[in-house]
């Protein structure tokens, strides 16, 4: 069964940020899609669909790698 998880990320301001985070999160094993609702200067929402539930730490490190901060998961 597919799993969709929602994470919140701060520090994203533009389309470049969206691309950077999408790229890093997409390489996590099992991820099939990444959809980001950008809130410039605020908390953006990142919806990640994967073929199994993801470990929050792996998502956190991917977001860190892109240069942003994971602020939470729902």
PDB file of N, CA and C in Angstrom:
ATOM      1  N   UNK A   1       0.831  -1.209   0.000  1.00  0.00           N
ATOM      2  CA  UNK A   1       0.000   0.000   0.000  1.00  0.00           C
ATOM      3  C   UNK A   1       0.867   1.260   0.000  1.00  0.00           C
ATOM      4  N   UNK A   2       0.422   2.266  -0.730  1.00  0.00           N
ATOM      5  CA  UNK A   2       1.169   3.513  -0.775  1.00  0.00           C
ATOM      6  C   UNK A   2       0.960   4.268   0.528  1.00  0.00           C
ATOM      7  N   UNK A   3       1.972   5.040   0.884  1.00  0.00           N
ATOM      8  CA  UNK A   3       1.913   5.832   2.106  1.00  0.00           C
ATOM      9  C   UNK A   3       2.154   7.294   1.739  1.00  0.00           C
ATOM     10  N   UNK A   4       1.308   8.192   2.255  1.00  0.00           N
ATOM     11  CA  UNK A   4       1.554   9.613   2.039  1.00  0.00           C
ATOM     12  C   UNK A   4       1.738  10.274   3.392  1.00  0.00           C
ATOM     13  N   UNK A   5       2.843  10.982   3.538  1.00  0.00           N
ATOM     14  CA  UNK A   5       3.131  11.667   4.791  1.00  0.00           C
ATOM     15  C   UNK A   5       3.313  13.145   4.516  1.00  0.00           C
ATOM     16  N   UNK A   6       2.928  13.960   5.484  1.00  0.00           N
ATOM     17  CA  UNK A   6       3.047  15.399   5.344  1.00  0.00           C
ATOM     18  C   UNK A   6       4.073  15.926   6.334  1.00  0.00           C
ATOM     19  N   UNK A   7       4.994  16.736   5.816  1.00  0.00           N
ATOM     20  CA  UNK A   7       6.035  17.327   6.650  1.00  0.00           C
ATOM     21  C   UNK A   7       5.968  18.834   6.479  1.00  0.00           C
ATOM     22  N   UNK A   8       6.496  19.568   7.458  1.00  0.00           N
ATOM     23  CA  UNK A   8       6.547  21.025   7.325  1.00  0.00           C
ATOM     24  C   UNK A   8       8.009  21.450   7.342  1.00  0.00           C
ATOM     25  N   UNK A   9       8.305  22.404   6.466  1.00  0.00           N
ATOM     26  CA  UNK A   9       9.684  22.852   6.278  1.00  0.00           C
ATOM     27  C   UNK A   9       9.734  24.373   6.313  1.00  0.00           C
ATOM     28  N   UNK A  10      10.699  24.905   7.051  1.00  0.00           N
ATOM     29  CA  UNK A  10      10.859  26.364   7.080  1.00  0.00           C
ATOM     30  C   UNK A  10      12.078  26.759   6.275  1.00  0.00           C
ATOM     31  N   UNK A  11      12.092  28.005   5.821  1.00  0.00           N
ATOM     32  CA  UNK A  11      13.246  28.542   5.110  1.00  0.00           C
ATOM     33  C   UNK A  11      13.128  28.539   3.598  1.00  0.00           C
ATOM     34  N   UNK A  12      12.076  27.938   3.068  1.00  0.00           N
ATOM     35  CA  UNK A  12      11.918  27.899   1.616  1.00  0.00           C
ATOM     36  C   UNK A  12      11.243  29.193   1.153  1.00  0.00           C
ATOM     37  N   UNK A  13      11.833  29.831   0.133  1.00  0.00           N
ATOM     38  CA  UNK A  13      11.287  31.128  -0.290  1.00  0.00           C
ATOM     39  C   UNK A  13      10.886  31.181  -1.757  1.00  0.00           C
ATOM     40  N   UNK A  14      11.366  30.241  -2.560  1.00  0.00           N
ATOM     41  CA  UNK A  14      11.127  30.363  -3.992  1.00  0.00           C
ATOM     42  C   UNK A  14      11.086  29.000  -4.678  1.00  0.00           C
ATOM     43  N   UNK A  15      10.889  29.055  -5.983  1.00  0.00           N
ATOM     44  CA  UNK A  15      10.792  27.833  -6.757  1.00  0.00           C
ATOM     45  C   UNK A  15      12.090  27.026  -6.724  1.00  0.00           C
ATOM     46  N   UNK A  16      13.216  27.725  -6.628  1.00  0.00           N
ATOM     47  CA  UNK A  16      14.510  27.037  -6.534  1.00  0.00           C
ATOM     48  C   UNK A  16      14.548  26.164  -5.279  1.00  0.00           C
ATOM     49  N   UNK A  17      14.012  26.712  -4.177  1.00  0.00           N
ATOM     50  CA  UNK A  17      13.975  25.968  -2.907  1.00  0.00           C
ATOM     51  C   UNK A  17      13.141  24.691  -3.073  1.00  0.00           C
ATOM     52  N   UNK A  18      12.000  24.851  -3.734  1.00  0.00           N
ATOM     53  CA  UNK A  18      11.107  23.724  -3.979  1.00  0.00           C
ATOM     54  C   UNK A  18      11.837  22.628  -4.762  1.00  0.00           C
ATOM     55  N   UNK A  19      12.571  23.043  -5.810  1.00  0.00           N
ATOM     56  CA  UNK A  19      13.308  22.075  -6.617  1.00  0.00           C
ATOM     57  C   UNK A  19      14.386  21.371  -5.809  1.00  0.00           C
ATOM     58  N   UNK A  20      15.087  22.123  -4.968  1.00  0.00           N
ATOM     59  CA  UNK A  20      16.170  21.550  -4.168  1.00  0.00           C
ATOM     60  C   UNK A  20      15.630  20.494  -3.199  1.00  0.00           C
ATOM     61  N   UNK A  21      14.558  20.832  -2.502  1.00  0.00           N
ATOM     62  CA  UNK A  21      13.974  19.892  -1.541  1.00  0.00           C
ATOM     63  C   UNK A  21      13.373  18.689  -2.266  1.00  0.00           C
ATOM     64  N   UNK A  22      12.673  18.951  -3.380  1.00  0.00           N
ATOM     65  CA  UNK A  22      12.070  17.859  -4.151  1.00  0.00           C
ATOM     66  C   UNK A  22      13.150  16.868  -4.587  1.00  0.00           C
ATOM     67  N   UNK A  23      14.262  17.392  -5.074  1.00  0.00           N
ATOM     68  CA  UNK A  23      15.354  16.553  -5.558  1.00  0.00           C
ATOM     69  C   UNK A  23      15.936  15.687  -4.445  1.00  0.00           C
ATOM     70  N   UNK A  24      16.217  16.298  -3.289  1.00  0.00           N
ATOM     71  CA  UNK A  24      16.816  15.547  -2.178  1.00  0.00           C
ATOM     72  C   UNK A  24      15.864  14.491  -1.611  1.00  0.00           C
ATOM     73  N   UNK A  25      14.590  14.875  -1.439  1.00  0.00           N
ATOM     74  CA  UNK A  25      13.628  13.937  -0.854  1.00  0.00           C
ATOM     75  C   UNK A  25      13.303  12.803  -1.830  1.00  0.00           C
ATOM     76  N   UNK A  26      13.313  13.120  -3.135  1.00  0.00           N
ATOM     77  CA  UNK A  26      13.001  12.109  -4.148  1.00  0.00           C
ATOM     78  C   UNK A  26      13.972  10.938  -4.169  1.00  0.00           C
ATOM     79  N   UNK A  27      15.219  11.180  -3.729  1.00  0.00           N
ATOM     80  CA  UNK A  27      16.205  10.095  -3.774  1.00  0.00           C
ATOM     81  C   UNK A  27      16.102   9.142  -2.581  1.00  0.00           C
ATOM     82  N   UNK A  28      15.259   9.459  -1.606  1.00  0.00           N
ATOM     83  CA  UNK A  28      15.052   8.527  -0.489  1.00  0.00           C
ATOM     84  C   UNK A  28      14.417   7.261  -1.054  1.00  0.00           C
ATOM     85  N   UNK A  29      14.928   6.133  -0.628  1.00  0.00           N
ATOM     86  CA  UNK A  29      14.438   4.844  -1.110  1.00  0.00           C
ATOM     87  C   UNK A  29      12.933   4.710  -0.913  1.00  0.00           C
ATOM     88  N   UNK A  30      12.211   4.412  -1.999  1.00  0.00           N
ATOM     89  CA  UNK A  30      10.772   4.177  -1.899  1.00  0.00           C
ATOM     90  C   UNK A  30       9.896   5.359  -2.252  1.00  0.00           C
ATOM     91  N   UNK A  31      10.482   6.560  -2.318  1.00  0.00           N
ATOM     92  CA  UNK A  31       9.672   7.748  -2.605  1.00  0.00           C
ATOM     93  C   UNK A  31       9.212   7.740  -4.065  1.00  0.00           C
ATOM     94  N   UNK A  32       7.910   7.932  -4.280  1.00  0.00           N
ATOM     95  CA  UNK A  32       7.378   7.956  -5.639  1.00  0.00           C
ATOM     96  C   UNK A  32       6.958   9.349  -6.076  1.00  0.00           C
ATOM     97  N   UNK A  33       6.592  10.227  -5.128  1.00  0.00           N
ATOM     98  CA  UNK A  33       6.288  11.601  -5.515  1.00  0.00           C
ATOM     99  C   UNK A  33       6.445  12.550  -4.336  1.00  0.00           C
ATOM    100  N   UNK A  34       6.784  13.792  -4.675  1.00  0.00           N
ATOM    101  CA  UNK A  34       6.963  14.840  -3.672  1.00  0.00           C
ATOM    102  C   UNK A  34       6.175  16.039  -4.168  1.00  0.00           C
ATOM    103  N   UNK A  35       5.230  16.510  -3.355  1.00  0.00           N
ATOM    104  CA  UNK A  35       4.456  17.690  -3.729  1.00  0.00           C
ATOM    105  C   UNK A  35       4.630  18.733  -2.638  1.00  0.00           C
ATOM    106  N   UNK A  36       5.030  19.927  -3.038  1.00  0.00           N
ATOM    107  CA  UNK A  36       5.309  20.978  -2.069  1.00  0.00           C
ATOM    108  C   UNK A  36       4.385  22.162  -2.260  1.00  0.00           C
ATOM    109  N   UNK A  37       3.792  22.587  -1.157  1.00  0.00           N
ATOM    110  CA  UNK A  37       2.964  23.801  -1.155  1.00  0.00           C
ATOM    111  C   UNK A  37       3.846  24.875  -0.542  1.00  0.00           C
ATOM    112  N   UNK A  38       4.397  25.740  -1.407  1.00  0.00           N
ATOM    113  CA  UNK A  38       5.348  26.756  -0.966  1.00  0.00           C
ATOM    114  C   UNK A  38       4.665  27.917  -0.257  1.00  0.00           C
ATOM    115  N   UNK A  39       5.161  28.249   0.933  1.00  0.00           N
ATOM    116  CA  UNK A  39       4.718  29.441   1.656  1.00  0.00           C
ATOM    117  C   UNK A  39       5.971  30.279   1.888  1.00  0.00           C
ATOM    118  N   UNK A  40       6.239  31.234   0.971  1.00  0.00           N
ATOM    119  CA  UNK A  40       7.454  32.044   1.113  1.00  0.00           C
ATOM    120  C   UNK A  40       7.481  32.748   2.462  1.00  0.00           C
ATOM    121  N   UNK A  41       8.645  32.727   3.113  1.00  0.00           N
ATOM    122  CA  UNK A  41       8.826  33.362   4.422  1.00  0.00           C
ATOM    123  C   UNK A  41       8.013  32.686   5.523  1.00  0.00           C
ATOM    124  N   UNK A  42       7.418  31.539   5.240  1.00  0.00           N
ATOM    125  CA  UNK A  42       6.627  30.877   6.264  1.00  0.00           C
ATOM    126  C   UNK A  42       6.971  29.399   6.341  1.00  0.00           C
ATOM    127  N   UNK A  43       5.991  28.604   6.706  1.00  0.00           N
ATOM    128  CA  UNK A  43       6.180  27.165   6.826  1.00  0.00           C
ATOM    129  C   UNK A  43       5.538  26.499   5.608  1.00  0.00           C
ATOM    130  N   UNK A  44       6.364  25.865   4.795  1.00  0.00           N
ATOM    131  CA  UNK A  44       5.854  25.195   3.600  1.00  0.00           C
ATOM    132  C   UNK A  44       5.467  23.764   3.940  1.00  0.00           C
ATOM    133  N   UNK A  45       4.507  23.231   3.194  1.00  0.00           N
ATOM    134  CA  UNK A  45       4.030  21.870   3.412  1.00  0.00           C
ATOM    135  C   UNK A  45       4.605  20.957   2.331  1.00  0.00           C
ATOM    136  N   UNK A  46       5.167  19.843   2.770  1.00  0.00           N
ATOM    137  CA  UNK A  46       5.758  18.880   1.841  1.00  0.00           C
ATOM    138  C   UNK A  46       5.009  17.557   1.990  1.00  0.00           C
ATOM    139  N   UNK A  47       4.314  17.136   0.911  1.00  0.00           N
ATOM    140  CA  UNK A  47       3.596  15.861   0.917  1.00  0.00           C
ATOM    141  C   UNK A  47       4.438  14.842   0.170  1.00  0.00           C
ATOM    142  N   UNK A  48       4.801  13.780   0.870  1.00  0.00           N
ATOM    143  CA  UNK A  48       5.663  12.767   0.269  1.00  0.00           C
ATOM    144  C   UNK A  48       4.901  11.453   0.155  1.00  0.00           C
ATOM    145  N   UNK A  49       4.829  10.927  -1.062  1.00  0.00           N
ATOM    146  CA  UNK A  49       4.184   9.643  -1.287  1.00  0.00           C
ATOM    147  C   UNK A  49       5.277   8.615  -1.523  1.00  0.00           C
ATOM    148  N   UNK A  50       5.144   7.477  -0.856  1.00  0.00           N
ATOM    149  CA  UNK A  50       6.173   6.443  -0.974  1.00  0.00           C
ATOM    150  C   UNK A  50       5.517   5.074  -0.871  1.00  0.00           C
ATOM    151  N   UNK A  51       6.298   4.033  -1.198  1.00  0.00           N
ATOM    152  CA  UNK A  51       5.702   2.707  -1.155  1.00  0.00           C
ATOM    153  C   UNK A  51       5.791   2.065   0.228  1.00  0.00           C
ATOM    154  N   UNK A  52       6.328   2.799   1.186  1.00  0.00           N
ATOM    155  CA  UNK A  52       6.293   2.367   2.591  1.00  0.00           C
ATOM    156  C   UNK A  52       6.478   3.621   3.449  1.00  0.00           C
ATOM    157  N   UNK A  53       5.996   3.615   4.693  1.00  0.00           N
ATOM    158  CA  UNK A  53       6.148   4.795   5.550  1.00  0.00           C
ATOM    159  C   UNK A  53       7.631   5.130   5.712  1.00  0.00           C
ATOM    160  N   UNK A  54       7.942   6.417   5.640  1.00  0.00           N
ATOM    161  CA  UNK A  54       9.335   6.843   5.738  1.00  0.00           C
ATOM    162  C   UNK A  54       9.730   7.163   7.167  1.00  0.00           C
ATOM    163  N   UNK A  55      10.995   6.965   7.421  1.00  0.00           N
ATOM    164  CA  UNK A  55      11.582   7.336   8.700  1.00  0.00           C
ATOM    165  C   UNK A  55      11.752   8.855   8.676  1.00  0.00           C
ATOM    166  N   UNK A  56      11.223   9.534   9.689  1.00  0.00           N
ATOM    167  CA  UNK A  56      11.287  10.994   9.741  1.00  0.00           C
ATOM    168  C   UNK A  56      12.738  11.480   9.649  1.00  0.00           C
ATOM    169  N   UNK A  57      13.661  10.742  10.282  1.00  0.00           N
ATOM    170  CA  UNK A  57      15.059  11.160  10.253  1.00  0.00           C
ATOM    171  C   UNK A  57      15.643  11.177   8.844  1.00  0.00           C
ATOM    172  N   UNK A  58      15.212  10.243   8.001  1.00  0.00           N
ATOM    173  CA  UNK A  58      15.742  10.235   6.640  1.00  0.00           C
ATOM    174  C   UNK A  58      15.212  11.438   5.866  1.00  0.00           C
ATOM    175  N   UNK A  59      13.977  11.826   6.145  1.00  0.00           N
ATOM    176  CA  UNK A  59      13.406  13.005   5.491  1.00  0.00           C
ATOM    177  C   UNK A  59      14.102  14.259   6.027  1.00  0.00           C
ATOM    178  N   UNK A  60      14.341  14.283   7.348  1.00  0.00           N
ATOM    179  CA  UNK A  60      15.012  15.423   7.960  1.00  0.00           C
ATOM    180  C   UNK A  60      16.402  15.637   7.340  1.00  0.00           C
ATOM    181  N   UNK A  61      17.148  14.552   7.169  1.00  0.00           N
ATOM    182  CA  UNK A  61      18.494  14.724   6.630  1.00  0.00           C
ATOM    183  C   UNK A  61      18.460  15.142   5.164  1.00  0.00           C
ATOM    184  N   UNK A  62      17.451  14.685   4.412  1.00  0.00           N
ATOM    185  CA  UNK A  62      17.316  15.098   3.010  1.00  0.00           C
ATOM    186  C   UNK A  62      17.014  16.597   2.932  1.00  0.00           C
ATOM    187  N   UNK A  63      16.125  17.068   3.810  1.00  0.00           N
ATOM    188  CA  UNK A  63      15.753  18.481   3.837  1.00  0.00           C
ATOM    189  C   UNK A  63      16.967  19.317   4.278  1.00  0.00           C
ATOM    190  N   UNK A  64      17.717  18.806   5.267  1.00  0.00           N
ATOM    191  CA  UNK A  64      18.954  19.465   5.720  1.00  0.00           C
ATOM    192  C   UNK A  64      19.939  19.600   4.568  1.00  0.00           C
ATOM    193  N   UNK A  65      20.078  18.516   3.826  1.00  0.00           N
ATOM    194  CA  UNK A  65      21.002  18.458   2.695  1.00  0.00           C
ATOM    195  C   UNK A  65      20.654  19.547   1.671  1.00  0.00           C
ATOM    196  N   UNK A  66      19.364  19.810   1.513  1.00  0.00           N
ATOM    197  CA  UNK A  66      18.908  20.832   0.567  1.00  0.00           C
ATOM    198  C   UNK A  66      19.093  22.233   1.149  1.00  0.00           C
ATOM    199  N   UNK A  67      19.367  22.306   2.455  1.00  0.00           N
ATOM    200  CA  UNK A  67      19.632  23.592   3.085  1.00  0.00           C
ATOM    201  C   UNK A  67      18.461  24.194   3.847  1.00  0.00           C
ATOM    202  N   UNK A  68      17.478  23.369   4.181  1.00  0.00           N
ATOM    203  CA  UNK A  68      16.295  23.876   4.882  1.00  0.00           C
ATOM    204  C   UNK A  68      16.071  23.081   6.150  1.00  0.00           C
ATOM    205  N   UNK A  69      15.060  23.478   6.912  1.00  0.00           N
ATOM    206  CA  UNK A  69      14.835  22.819   8.183  1.00  0.00           C
ATOM    207  C   UNK A  69      13.458  22.174   8.267  1.00  0.00           C
ATOM    208  N   UNK A  70      13.475  20.887   8.625  1.00  0.00           N
ATOM    209  CA  UNK A  70      12.216  20.168   8.830  1.00  0.00           C
ATOM    210  C   UNK A  70      11.688  20.624  10.189  1.00  0.00           C
ATOM    211  N   UNK A  71      10.463  21.164  10.211  1.00  0.00           N
ATOM    212  CA  UNK A  71       9.947  21.655  11.482  1.00  0.00           C
ATOM    213  C   UNK A  71       8.940  20.714  12.116  1.00  0.00           C
ATOM    214  N   UNK A  72       8.478  19.750  11.354  1.00  0.00           N
ATOM    215  CA  UNK A  72       7.540  18.809  11.946  1.00  0.00           C
ATOM    216  C   UNK A  72       6.993  17.839  10.933  1.00  0.00           C
ATOM    217  N   UNK A  73       6.219  16.871  11.416  1.00  0.00           N
ATOM    218  CA  UNK A  73       5.561  15.931  10.512  1.00  0.00           C
ATOM    219  C   UNK A  73       4.181  15.672  11.064  1.00  0.00           C
ATOM    220  N   UNK A  74       3.258  15.364  10.169  1.00  0.00           N
ATOM    221  CA  UNK A  74       1.877  15.156  10.595  1.00  0.00           C
ATOM    222  C   UNK A  74       1.478  13.712  10.310  1.00  0.00           C
TER     223      UNK A  74
END
